[in-house]
């Protein structure tokens, strides 16, 4: 830069060079301590998160175990109540059947006494020491009762045949809510459908020959709706057939109970 005449150049002072000072040993020590504390805090936080996760898993497992135990206890209690209710129903059915028979005899006795003031029992009947009326063994009334029992036995034997065919047919085919909706195209599926279709008329025949009052309208509706189909799971199918068999045997009394194996026996025999 050229100097103008008569002017003195202004000289600015030179600033001293700033040289950074190296950290002292104390600073380095405190910095390292801060880093170590931060790492320790992160490690403790990770361990706590892991411990919380493990405790949650243990708690979840224990709750599941408790729920399973509660479910099994509830299932066992339900089965006990079902069994108790079934036994009570059998007892009531037997009492009801005996009451109907006694009522019929008393009605016959009343009508006969009304038409025959001499007090003689109608043909085929006799009076007991307690004043009740009973059929004379081997007499016409006894033969009529035996003929009715034979009809019931025949109908029950037909029911057993249809029931066994139903068990065999459904056990040999794949069943379930989805499989049962597929049309019956295979031989096993068609056999299963046939077994299901045969149960309704057989049960209706059993209702007719058993006589009035043995199977109520509600009983008949319940049994017909209980017949399993290909849409039922195997466990549900098994329970339905067992319930039908128990109700039929309880309603018909000891005569039917002396017949062939029950549904429970058949399932046990085939390992179902």
C-alpha atoms as a PDB file:
ATOM      1  CA  UNK A   1       0.000   0.000   0.000  1.00  0.00           C
ATOM      2  CA  UNK A   2       1.489   3.386  -1.012  1.00  0.00           C
ATOM      3  CA  UNK A   3       1.923   6.000   1.691  1.00  0.00           C
ATOM      4  CA  UNK A   4       0.393   9.391   1.132  1.00  0.00           C
ATOM      5  CA  UNK A   5       2.616  12.379   1.867  1.00  0.00           C
ATOM      6  CA  UNK A   6       2.154  13.866   5.307  1.00  0.00           C
ATOM      7  CA  UNK A   7       0.392  10.790   6.854  1.00  0.00           C
ATOM      8  CA  UNK A   8       1.858   8.371   9.319  1.00  0.00           C
ATOM      9  CA  UNK A   9       0.590   4.818   9.119  1.00  0.00           C
ATOM     10  CA  UNK A  10      -1.203   3.483  12.156  1.00  0.00           C
ATOM     11  CA  UNK A  11       0.300   0.265  13.505  1.00  0.00           C
ATOM     12  CA  UNK A  12      -2.083  -2.124  15.225  1.00  0.00           C
ATOM     13  CA  UNK A  13      -0.792  -4.194  18.128  1.00  0.00           C
ATOM     14  CA  UNK A  14      -0.295  -7.861  17.426  1.00  0.00           C
ATOM     15  CA  UNK A  15      -2.559 -10.107  19.559  1.00  0.00           C
ATOM     16  CA  UNK A  16      -0.697 -12.800  21.431  1.00  0.00           C
ATOM     17  CA  UNK A  17      -1.142 -16.353  20.120  1.00  0.00           C
ATOM     18  CA  UNK A  18      -3.579 -18.386  22.307  1.00  0.00           C
ATOM     19  CA  UNK A  19      -2.110 -21.814  22.994  1.00  0.00           C
ATOM     20  CA  UNK A  20      -4.620 -24.260  24.599  1.00  0.00           C
ATOM     21  CA  UNK A  21      -3.461 -25.615  27.843  1.00  0.00           C
ATOM     22  CA  UNK A  22      -3.370 -29.384  28.354  1.00  0.00           C
ATOM     23  CA  UNK A  23      -5.932 -30.702  30.913  1.00  0.00           C
ATOM     24  CA  UNK A  24      -4.612 -31.350  34.306  1.00  0.00           C
ATOM     25  CA  UNK A  25      -4.476 -34.788  35.846  1.00  0.00           C
ATOM     26  CA  UNK A  26      -7.360 -33.850  38.144  1.00  0.00           C
ATOM     27  CA  UNK A  27      -9.569 -32.970  35.173  1.00  0.00           C
ATOM     28  CA  UNK A  28      -8.748 -36.255  33.484  1.00  0.00           C
ATOM     29  CA  UNK A  29      -9.524 -38.161  36.675  1.00  0.00           C
ATOM     30  CA  UNK A  30     -12.939 -36.523  37.129  1.00  0.00           C
ATOM     31  CA  UNK A  31     -13.806 -37.038  33.441  1.00  0.00           C
ATOM     32  CA  UNK A  32     -12.940 -40.726  33.641  1.00  0.00           C
ATOM     33  CA  UNK A  33     -14.986 -41.029  36.826  1.00  0.00           C
ATOM     34  CA  UNK A  34     -18.008 -39.465  35.084  1.00  0.00           C
ATOM     35  CA  UNK A  35     -17.734 -41.911  32.153  1.00  0.00           C
ATOM     36  CA  UNK A  36     -17.367 -44.863  34.517  1.00  0.00           C
ATOM     37  CA  UNK A  37     -20.436 -43.756  36.493  1.00  0.00           C
ATOM     38  CA  UNK A  38     -22.454 -43.360  33.289  1.00  0.00           C
ATOM     39  CA  UNK A  39     -21.482 -46.880  32.150  1.00  0.00           C
ATOM     40  CA  UNK A  40     -22.374 -48.281  35.578  1.00  0.00           C
ATOM     41  CA  UNK A  41     -25.766 -46.547  35.458  1.00  0.00           C
ATOM     42  CA  UNK A  42     -26.458 -48.043  32.017  1.00  0.00           C
ATOM     43  CA  UNK A  43     -25.444 -51.497  33.247  1.00  0.00           C
ATOM     44  CA  UNK A  44     -27.695 -51.237  36.307  1.00  0.00           C
ATOM     45  CA  UNK A  45     -30.607 -50.035  34.147  1.00  0.00           C
ATOM     46  CA  UNK A  46     -30.126 -52.980  31.760  1.00  0.00           C
ATOM     47  CA  UNK A  47     -29.988 -55.449  34.672  1.00  0.00           C
ATOM     48  CA  UNK A  48     -33.143 -53.962  36.185  1.00  0.00           C
ATOM     49  CA  UNK A  49     -34.967 -54.199  32.843  1.00  0.00           C
ATOM     50  CA  UNK A  50     -33.874 -57.841  32.523  1.00  0.00           C
ATOM     51  CA  UNK A  51     -34.984 -58.612  36.084  1.00  0.00           C
ATOM     52  CA  UNK A  52     -38.358 -56.932  35.487  1.00  0.00           C
ATOM     53  CA  UNK A  53     -38.786 -58.957  32.300  1.00  0.00           C
ATOM     54  CA  UNK A  54     -37.984 -62.211  34.118  1.00  0.00           C
ATOM     55  CA  UNK A  55     -40.373 -61.364  36.951  1.00  0.00           C
ATOM     56  CA  UNK A  56     -43.120 -60.605  34.434  1.00  0.00           C
ATOM     57  CA  UNK A  57     -42.506 -63.926  32.686  1.00  0.00           C
ATOM     58  CA  UNK A  58     -42.592 -65.803  36.000  1.00  0.00           C
ATOM     59  CA  UNK A  59     -45.771 -64.003  37.032  1.00  0.00           C
ATOM     60  CA  UNK A  60     -47.400 -64.775  33.673  1.00  0.00           C
ATOM     61  CA  UNK A  61     -46.417 -68.439  33.970  1.00  0.00           C
ATOM     62  CA  UNK A  62     -47.798 -68.662  37.498  1.00  0.00           C
ATOM     63  CA  UNK A  63     -51.068 -67.048  36.456  1.00  0.00           C
ATOM     64  CA  UNK A  64     -51.383 -69.471  33.534  1.00  0.00           C
ATOM     65  CA  UNK A  65     -50.715 -72.400  35.835  1.00  0.00           C
ATOM     66  CA  UNK A  66     -53.339 -71.127  38.252  1.00  0.00           C
ATOM     67  CA  UNK A  67     -55.848 -70.634  35.431  1.00  0.00           C
ATOM     68  CA  UNK A  68     -55.217 -74.175  34.193  1.00  0.00           C
ATOM     69  CA  UNK A  69     -55.677 -75.576  37.688  1.00  0.00           C
ATOM     70  CA  UNK A  70     -58.848 -73.529  38.165  1.00  0.00           C
ATOM     71  CA  UNK A  71     -60.142 -74.719  34.791  1.00  0.00           C
ATOM     72  CA  UNK A  72     -59.441 -78.363  35.659  1.00  0.00           C
ATOM     73  CA  UNK A  73     -61.105 -77.970  39.053  1.00  0.00           C
ATOM     74  CA  UNK A  74     -64.112 -76.317  37.437  1.00  0.00           C
ATOM     75  CA  UNK A  75     -64.300 -79.079  34.831  1.00  0.00           C
ATOM     76  CA  UNK A  76     -64.127 -81.762  37.526  1.00  0.00           C
ATOM     77  CA  UNK A  77     -66.798 -79.989  39.557  1.00  0.00           C
ATOM     78  CA  UNK A  78     -69.014 -79.649  36.494  1.00  0.00           C
ATOM     79  CA  UNK A  79     -68.581 -83.339  35.703  1.00  0.00           C
ATOM     80  CA  UNK A  80     -69.472 -84.211  39.289  1.00  0.00           C
ATOM     81  CA  UNK A  81     -72.611 -82.091  39.131  1.00  0.00           C
ATOM     82  CA  UNK A  82     -73.556 -83.612  35.775  1.00  0.00           C
ATOM     83  CA  UNK A  83     -73.082 -87.105  37.170  1.00  0.00           C
ATOM     84  CA  UNK A  84     -75.073 -86.268  40.297  1.00  0.00           C
ATOM     85  CA  UNK A  85     -77.810 -84.680  38.236  1.00  0.00           C
ATOM     86  CA  UNK A  86     -77.940 -87.706  35.935  1.00  0.00           C
ATOM     87  CA  UNK A  87     -78.219 -90.091  38.890  1.00  0.00           C
ATOM     88  CA  UNK A  88     -80.951 -87.938  40.379  1.00  0.00           C
ATOM     89  CA  UNK A  89     -82.736 -87.900  37.021  1.00  0.00           C
ATOM     90  CA  UNK A  90     -82.531 -91.692  36.862  1.00  0.00           C
ATOM     91  CA  UNK A  91     -84.035 -91.969  40.324  1.00  0.00           C
ATOM     92  CA  UNK A  92     -86.820 -89.540  39.443  1.00  0.00           C
ATOM     93  CA  UNK A  93     -87.502 -91.385  36.188  1.00  0.00           C
ATOM     94  CA  UNK A  94     -87.790 -94.704  38.016  1.00  0.00           C
ATOM     95  CA  UNK A  95     -90.095 -93.122  40.594  1.00  0.00           C
ATOM     96  CA  UNK A  96     -92.140 -91.525  37.825  1.00  0.00           C
ATOM     97  CA  UNK A  97     -92.457 -94.834  35.970  1.00  0.00           C
ATOM     98  CA  UNK A  98     -93.553 -96.680  39.110  1.00  0.00           C
ATOM     99  CA  UNK A  99     -96.008 -93.918  39.935  1.00  0.00           C
ATOM    100  CA  UNK A 100     -97.516 -94.128  36.450  1.00  0.00           C
ATOM    101  CA  UNK A 101     -97.891 -97.899  36.741  1.00  0.00           C
ATOM    102  CA  UNK A 102     -99.469 -97.597  40.191  1.00  0.00           C
ATOM    103  CA  UNK A 103    -101.757 -94.836  38.987  1.00  0.00           C
ATOM    104  CA  UNK A 104    -102.887 -96.985  36.074  1.00  0.00           C
ATOM    105  CA  UNK A 105    -103.622 -99.906  38.382  1.00  0.00           C
ATOM    106  CA  UNK A 106    -105.491 -97.710  40.846  1.00  0.00           C
ATOM    107  CA  UNK A 107    -107.495 -96.192  38.011  1.00  0.00           C
ATOM    108  CA  UNK A 108    -108.438 -99.655  36.780  1.00  0.00           C
ATOM    109  CA  UNK A 109    -109.324-100.658  40.328  1.00  0.00           C
ATOM    110  CA  UNK A 110    -111.540 -97.587  40.771  1.00  0.00           C
ATOM    111  CA  UNK A 111    -113.317 -98.083  37.462  1.00  0.00           C
ATOM    112  CA  UNK A 112    -113.806-101.775  38.180  1.00  0.00           C
ATOM    113  CA  UNK A 113    -115.186-101.133  41.679  1.00  0.00           C
ATOM    114  CA  UNK A 114    -117.512 -98.541  40.230  1.00  0.00           C
ATOM    115  CA  UNK A 115    -118.822-101.019  37.656  1.00  0.00           C
ATOM    116  CA  UNK A 116    -118.608-104.043  39.972  1.00  0.00           C
ATOM    117  CA  UNK A 117    -119.716-103.181  43.517  1.00  0.00           C
ATOM    118  CA  UNK A 118    -119.090-106.788  44.674  1.00  0.00           C
ATOM    119  CA  UNK A 119    -115.412-105.892  45.089  1.00  0.00           C
ATOM    120  CA  UNK A 120    -113.910-108.567  42.825  1.00  0.00           C
ATOM    121  CA  UNK A 121    -110.721-107.836  40.945  1.00  0.00           C
ATOM    122  CA  UNK A 122    -111.009-107.614  37.136  1.00  0.00           C
ATOM    123  CA  UNK A 123    -109.933-110.640  35.088  1.00  0.00           C
ATOM    124  CA  UNK A 124    -106.171-111.107  35.194  1.00  0.00           C
ATOM    125  CA  UNK A 125    -105.692-109.017  38.367  1.00  0.00           C
ATOM    126  CA  UNK A 126    -105.770-109.609  42.119  1.00  0.00           C
ATOM    127  CA  UNK A 127    -105.745-107.520  45.255  1.00  0.00           C
ATOM    128  CA  UNK A 128    -102.678-107.448  47.490  1.00  0.00           C
ATOM    129  CA  UNK A 129    -102.690-107.466  51.296  1.00  0.00           C
ATOM    130  CA  UNK A 130    -102.293-103.684  51.277  1.00  0.00           C
ATOM    131  CA  UNK A 131    -105.385-103.277  49.093  1.00  0.00           C
ATOM    132  CA  UNK A 132    -103.531-102.467  45.874  1.00  0.00           C
ATOM    133  CA  UNK A 133    -104.134-104.334  42.634  1.00  0.00           C
ATOM    134  CA  UNK A 134    -101.503-106.288  40.706  1.00  0.00           C
ATOM    135  CA  UNK A 135    -101.447-108.464  37.622  1.00  0.00           C
ATOM    136  CA  UNK A 136    -101.671-112.213  38.236  1.00  0.00           C
ATOM    137  CA  UNK A 137     -98.417-113.837  37.039  1.00  0.00           C
ATOM    138  CA  UNK A 138     -99.160-115.731  33.840  1.00  0.00           C
ATOM    139  CA  UNK A 139    -102.611-114.148  33.526  1.00  0.00           C
ATOM    140  CA  UNK A 140    -104.008-112.043  30.659  1.00  0.00           C
ATOM    141  CA  UNK A 141    -102.867-108.749  32.189  1.00  0.00           C
ATOM    142  CA  UNK A 142     -99.409-110.161  32.841  1.00  0.00           C
ATOM    143  CA  UNK A 143     -99.227-111.410  29.263  1.00  0.00           C
ATOM    144  CA  UNK A 144    -100.272-107.973  28.032  1.00  0.00           C
ATOM    145  CA  UNK A 145     -97.525-106.387  30.117  1.00  0.00           C
ATOM    146  CA  UNK A 146     -95.035-108.968  28.862  1.00  0.00           C
ATOM    147  CA  UNK A 147     -96.067-108.225  25.274  1.00  0.00           C
ATOM    148  CA  UNK A 148     -95.468-104.519  25.883  1.00  0.00           C
ATOM    149  CA  UNK A 149     -92.058-105.259  27.391  1.00  0.00           C
ATOM    150  CA  UNK A 150     -91.223-107.373  24.343  1.00  0.00           C
ATOM    151  CA  UNK A 151     -92.148-104.468  22.091  1.00  0.00           C
ATOM    152  CA  UNK A 152     -89.938-102.156  24.137  1.00  0.00           C
ATOM    153  CA  UNK A 153     -87.106-104.701  24.052  1.00  0.00           C
ATOM    154  CA  UNK A 154     -87.382-104.978  20.266  1.00  0.00           C
ATOM    155  CA  UNK A 155     -87.400-101.205  19.847  1.00  0.00           C
ATOM    156  CA  UNK A 156     -84.443-100.872  22.230  1.00  0.00           C
ATOM    157  CA  UNK A 157     -82.498-103.537  20.325  1.00  0.00           C
ATOM    158  CA  UNK A 158     -83.172-101.561  17.139  1.00  0.00           C
ATOM    159  CA  UNK A 159     -81.967 -98.416  18.920  1.00  0.00           C
ATOM    160  CA  UNK A 160     -78.749-100.181  19.956  1.00  0.00           C
ATOM    161  CA  UNK A 161     -78.139-101.239  16.362  1.00  0.00           C
ATOM    162  CA  UNK A 162     -78.687 -97.700  15.069  1.00  0.00           C
ATOM    163  CA  UNK A 163     -76.548 -96.244  17.862  1.00  0.00           C
ATOM    164  CA  UNK A 164     -73.671 -98.645  17.111  1.00  0.00           C
ATOM    165  CA  UNK A 165     -73.925 -97.788  13.405  1.00  0.00           C
ATOM    166  CA  UNK A 166     -73.841 -94.082  14.250  1.00  0.00           C
ATOM    167  CA  UNK A 167     -70.725 -94.508  16.407  1.00  0.00           C
ATOM    168  CA  UNK A 168     -68.994 -96.631  13.770  1.00  0.00           C
ATOM    169  CA  UNK A 169     -69.936 -94.331  10.882  1.00  0.00           C
ATOM    170  CA  UNK A 170     -68.893 -91.072  12.527  1.00  0.00           C
ATOM    171  CA  UNK A 171     -65.724 -92.596  13.998  1.00  0.00           C
ATOM    172  CA  UNK A 172     -64.612 -93.722  10.546  1.00  0.00           C
ATOM    173  CA  UNK A 173     -64.985 -90.286   8.974  1.00  0.00           C
ATOM    174  CA  UNK A 174     -63.345 -86.919   9.590  1.00  0.00           C
ATOM    175  CA  UNK A 175     -65.732 -84.691  11.538  1.00  0.00           C
ATOM    176  CA  UNK A 176     -65.743 -81.126  12.799  1.00  0.00           C
ATOM    177  CA  UNK A 177     -67.316 -77.715  12.125  1.00  0.00           C
ATOM    178  CA  UNK A 178     -65.487 -77.334   8.817  1.00  0.00           C
ATOM    179  CA  UNK A 179     -65.155 -80.949   7.652  1.00  0.00           C
ATOM    180  CA  UNK A 180     -68.854 -81.533   8.336  1.00  0.00           C
ATOM    181  CA  UNK A 181     -69.879 -78.786   5.921  1.00  0.00           C
ATOM    182  CA  UNK A 182     -68.189 -80.528   3.006  1.00  0.00           C
ATOM    183  CA  UNK A 183     -70.697 -82.615   1.010  1.00  0.00           C
ATOM    184  CA  UNK A 184     -70.479 -86.365   1.659  1.00  0.00           C
ATOM    185  CA  UNK A 185     -68.534 -87.526  -1.409  1.00  0.00           C
ATOM    186  CA  UNK A 186     -66.467 -90.388   0.029  1.00  0.00           C
ATOM    187  CA  UNK A 187     -67.854 -93.740   1.111  1.00  0.00           C
ATOM    188  CA  UNK A 188     -66.967 -93.105   4.781  1.00  0.00           C
ATOM    189  CA  UNK A 189     -68.692 -89.716   4.736  1.00  0.00           C
ATOM    190  CA  UNK A 190     -71.824 -91.228   3.171  1.00  0.00           C
ATOM    191  CA  UNK A 191     -71.858 -94.038   5.754  1.00  0.00           C
ATOM    192  CA  UNK A 192     -71.637 -91.413   8.502  1.00  0.00           C
ATOM    193  CA  UNK A 193     -74.534 -89.453   6.979  1.00  0.00           C
ATOM    194  CA  UNK A 194     -76.590 -92.655   6.814  1.00  0.00           C
ATOM    195  CA  UNK A 195     -75.920 -93.401  10.473  1.00  0.00           C
ATOM    196  CA  UNK A 196     -77.098 -89.917  11.451  1.00  0.00           C
ATOM    197  CA  UNK A 197     -80.247 -90.172   9.305  1.00  0.00           C
ATOM    198  CA  UNK A 198     -81.213 -93.538  10.828  1.00  0.00           C
ATOM    199  CA  UNK A 199     -81.292 -92.298  14.427  1.00  0.00           C
ATOM    200  CA  UNK A 200     -84.361 -90.020  14.240  1.00  0.00           C
ATOM    201  CA  UNK A 201     -86.918 -92.638  13.068  1.00  0.00           C
ATOM    202  CA  UNK A 202     -85.487 -95.241  15.464  1.00  0.00           C
ATOM    203  CA  UNK A 203     -85.830 -92.870  18.422  1.00  0.00           C
ATOM    204  CA  UNK A 204     -89.381 -91.975  17.378  1.00  0.00           C
ATOM    205  CA  UNK A 205     -90.277 -95.673  17.254  1.00  0.00           C
ATOM    206  CA  UNK A 206     -88.839 -96.069  20.745  1.00  0.00           C
ATOM    207  CA  UNK A 207     -90.959 -93.142  21.946  1.00  0.00           C
ATOM    208  CA  UNK A 208     -94.134 -94.736  20.562  1.00  0.00           C
ATOM    209  CA  UNK A 209     -93.738 -98.261  21.961  1.00  0.00           C
ATOM    210  CA  UNK A 210     -92.579 -97.103  25.418  1.00  0.00           C
ATOM    211  CA  UNK A 211     -96.043 -95.776  26.154  1.00  0.00           C
ATOM    212  CA  UNK A 212     -97.528 -92.461  27.161  1.00  0.00           C
ATOM    213  CA  UNK A 213     -95.720 -90.531  29.875  1.00  0.00           C
ATOM    214  CA  UNK A 214     -92.349 -92.307  29.657  1.00  0.00           C
ATOM    215  CA  UNK A 215     -90.815 -89.827  27.231  1.00  0.00           C
ATOM    216  CA  UNK A 216     -92.289 -86.337  27.538  1.00  0.00           C
ATOM    217  CA  UNK A 217     -92.496 -83.995  24.564  1.00  0.00           C
ATOM    218  CA  UNK A 218     -89.503 -82.144  25.993  1.00  0.00           C
ATOM    219  CA  UNK A 219     -87.558 -85.419  26.296  1.00  0.00           C
ATOM    220  CA  UNK A 220     -88.299 -86.290  22.678  1.00  0.00           C
ATOM    221  CA  UNK A 221     -87.259 -82.852  21.411  1.00  0.00           C
ATOM    222  CA  UNK A 222     -84.084 -82.923  23.504  1.00  0.00           C
ATOM    223  CA  UNK A 223     -83.014 -86.379  22.318  1.00  0.00           C
ATOM    224  CA  UNK A 224     -83.690 -85.671  18.646  1.00  0.00           C
ATOM    225  CA  UNK A 225     -81.733 -82.403  18.798  1.00  0.00           C
ATOM    226  CA  UNK A 226     -78.888 -84.166  20.617  1.00  0.00           C
ATOM    227  CA  UNK A 227     -78.158 -86.622  17.775  1.00  0.00           C
ATOM    228  CA  UNK A 228     -74.588 -85.785  16.635  1.00  0.00           C
ATOM    229  CA  UNK A 229     -73.684 -85.011  13.026  1.00  0.00           C
ATOM    230  CA  UNK A 230     -70.518 -84.740  10.968  1.00  0.00           C
ATOM    231  CA  UNK A 231     -70.202 -81.113  12.143  1.00  0.00           C
ATOM    232  CA  UNK A 232     -69.489 -82.141  15.749  1.00  0.00           C
ATOM    233  CA  UNK A 233     -65.990 -82.532  17.152  1.00  0.00           C
ATOM    234  CA  UNK A 234     -65.171 -86.111  18.274  1.00  0.00           C
ATOM    235  CA  UNK A 235     -65.321 -85.113  21.957  1.00  0.00           C
ATOM    236  CA  UNK A 236     -68.731 -83.463  21.547  1.00  0.00           C
ATOM    237  CA  UNK A 237     -69.994 -86.407  19.498  1.00  0.00           C
ATOM    238  CA  UNK A 238     -68.912 -88.858  22.195  1.00  0.00           C
ATOM    239  CA  UNK A 239     -70.602 -86.856  24.968  1.00  0.00           C
ATOM    240  CA  UNK A 240     -73.852 -86.491  23.006  1.00  0.00           C
ATOM    241  CA  UNK A 241     -74.128 -90.217  22.262  1.00  0.00           C
ATOM    242  CA  UNK A 242     -73.336 -91.111  25.879  1.00  0.00           C
ATOM    243  CA  UNK A 243     -76.019 -88.712  27.134  1.00  0.00           C
ATOM    244  CA  UNK A 244     -78.628 -90.082  24.716  1.00  0.00           C
ATOM    245  CA  UNK A 245     -77.796 -93.628  25.782  1.00  0.00           C
ATOM    246  CA  UNK A 246     -77.996 -92.821  29.506  1.00  0.00           C
ATOM    247  CA  UNK A 247     -81.310 -90.974  29.170  1.00  0.00           C
ATOM    248  CA  UNK A 248     -82.883 -93.773  27.111  1.00  0.00           C
ATOM    249  CA  UNK A 249     -81.720 -96.447  29.576  1.00  0.00           C
ATOM    250  CA  UNK A 250     -82.904 -94.416  32.566  1.00  0.00           C
ATOM    251  CA  UNK A 251     -86.314 -93.791  30.995  1.00  0.00           C
ATOM    252  CA  UNK A 252     -86.889 -97.421  30.037  1.00  0.00           C
ATOM    253  CA  UNK A 253     -85.669 -98.754  33.393  1.00  0.00           C
ATOM    254  CA  UNK A 254     -84.080-102.083  34.262  1.00  0.00           C
ATOM    255  CA  UNK A 255     -85.473-103.977  31.253  1.00  0.00           C
ATOM    256  CA  UNK A 256     -83.424-101.939  28.804  1.00  0.00           C
ATOM    257  CA  UNK A 257     -80.428-101.839  31.134  1.00  0.00           C
ATOM    258  CA  UNK A 258     -80.015-105.606  30.827  1.00  0.00           C
ATOM    259  CA  UNK A 259     -79.461-105.360  27.084  1.00  0.00           C
ATOM    260  CA  UNK A 260     -76.182-105.026  25.189  1.00  0.00           C
ATOM    261  CA  UNK A 261     -73.196-102.785  25.993  1.00  0.00           C
ATOM    262  CA  UNK A 262     -73.761 -99.119  26.685  1.00  0.00           C
ATOM    263  CA  UNK A 263     -72.267 -96.292  24.642  1.00  0.00           C
ATOM    264  CA  UNK A 264     -69.611 -95.874  27.357  1.00  0.00           C
ATOM    265  CA  UNK A 265     -68.624 -99.535  26.927  1.00  0.00           C
ATOM    266  CA  UNK A 266     -68.398 -99.193  23.149  1.00  0.00           C
ATOM    267  CA  UNK A 267     -66.220 -96.093  23.302  1.00  0.00           C
ATOM    268  CA  UNK A 268     -63.952 -97.814  25.806  1.00  0.00           C
ATOM    269  CA  UNK A 269     -63.786-100.949  23.637  1.00  0.00           C
ATOM    270  CA  UNK A 270     -62.755 -99.012  20.530  1.00  0.00           C
ATOM    271  CA  UNK A 271     -60.490 -96.656  22.469  1.00  0.00           C
ATOM    272  CA  UNK A 272     -62.505 -93.563  21.527  1.00  0.00           C
END
